[in-house]
Amino acid sequence: MFAGDLAGTLYAVDTRSGAVLLRQALGGSLGGGLFTYELGRRQYVAALHGPVSASFGSGKGNTKLTLLTLP
């Protein structure tokens, strides 16, 4: 399972054991969503991250896209 938090950390968690398999700081809130897909037998995770919104007082800056390849 993949999840992100408002502090900008992306997590991959084993749903059976609850073990955290990946903890990756991305530098901005992951409020933009996570996408996972497979291409050529490799799995990828795309994360939109950046400012949360003006409502939270941190709506300045640019939204970024980070793409990770899983082993």
Protein backbone atom coordinates (compact mmCIF):
# COMPACT_ATOMS: atom_id res chain seq x y z
CA MET A 1 0.00 0.00 0.00
CA PHE A 2 1.23 3.52 -0.75
CA ALA A 3 0.37 6.63 1.24
CA GLY A 4 1.65 10.14 1.74
CA ASP A 5 1.33 12.73 4.46
CA LEU A 6 1.06 16.51 4.68
CA ALA A 7 4.68 16.71 5.86
CA GLY A 8 5.84 15.41 2.46
CA THR A 9 6.73 11.81 3.24
CA LEU A 10 5.83 8.96 0.90
CA TYR A 11 5.32 5.53 2.49
CA ALA A 12 5.08 2.01 1.11
CA VAL A 13 3.60 -0.39 3.66
CA ASP A 14 3.27 -4.18 3.58
CA THR A 15 -0.46 -4.73 4.08
CA ARG A 16 0.05 -8.15 5.64
CA SER A 17 2.61 -7.28 8.29
CA GLY A 18 2.22 -3.50 8.58
CA ALA A 19 5.98 -3.09 8.03
CA VAL A 20 7.10 0.15 6.41
CA LEU A 21 8.99 -0.84 3.26
CA LEU A 22 9.80 2.68 2.05
CA ARG A 23 9.90 6.08 3.74
CA GLN A 24 10.91 8.81 1.29
CA ALA A 25 10.89 12.55 2.05
CA LEU A 26 9.73 14.49 -1.00
CA GLY A 27 9.85 18.01 0.39
CA GLY A 28 6.18 18.96 0.11
CA SER A 29 2.71 17.73 1.02
CA LEU A 30 1.45 14.73 -0.94
CA GLY A 31 -2.04 16.18 -1.13
CA GLY A 32 -1.99 15.91 -4.95
CA GLY A 33 -2.34 12.17 -5.08
CA LEU A 34 -0.36 9.02 -5.75
CA PHE A 35 -0.46 6.94 -8.90
CA THR A 36 1.05 3.52 -9.45
CA TYR A 37 1.41 1.64 -12.70
CA GLU A 38 3.38 -1.16 -14.32
CA LEU A 39 5.37 -0.81 -17.52
CA GLY A 40 7.65 -3.50 -18.91
CA ARG A 41 7.39 -5.64 -15.75
CA ARG A 42 8.52 -2.75 -13.52
CA GLN A 43 6.28 -0.94 -11.07
CA TYR A 44 6.35 2.84 -10.83
CA VAL A 45 4.90 5.26 -8.30
CA ALA A 46 4.19 8.87 -9.25
CA ALA A 47 3.51 11.42 -6.51
CA LEU A 48 2.28 14.99 -6.88
CA HIS A 49 3.59 17.09 -4.02
CA GLY A 50 4.04 20.69 -3.03
CA PRO A 51 2.06 23.38 -1.28
CA VAL A 52 -1.05 22.16 0.51
CA SER A 53 -3.28 25.14 -0.25
CA ALA A 54 -3.72 28.77 0.65
CA SER A 55 -6.33 27.65 3.22
CA PHE A 56 -3.57 26.04 5.33
CA GLY A 57 -1.30 29.08 5.05
CA SER A 58 1.32 27.19 3.06
CA GLY A 59 -0.05 27.62 -0.45
CA LYS A 60 3.13 29.16 -1.85
CA GLY A 61 5.56 27.41 -4.15
CA ASN A 62 5.30 25.00 -7.04
CA THR A 63 3.71 21.59 -7.32
CA LYS A 64 6.20 18.88 -8.34
CA LEU A 65 5.95 15.38 -9.74
CA THR A 66 8.30 12.67 -8.46
CA LEU A 67 8.49 9.30 -10.17
CA LEU A 68 9.98 6.31 -8.32
CA THR A 69 10.78 2.86 -9.71
CA LEU A 70 10.33 -0.10 -7.40
CA PRO A 71 12.88 -2.92 -7.40
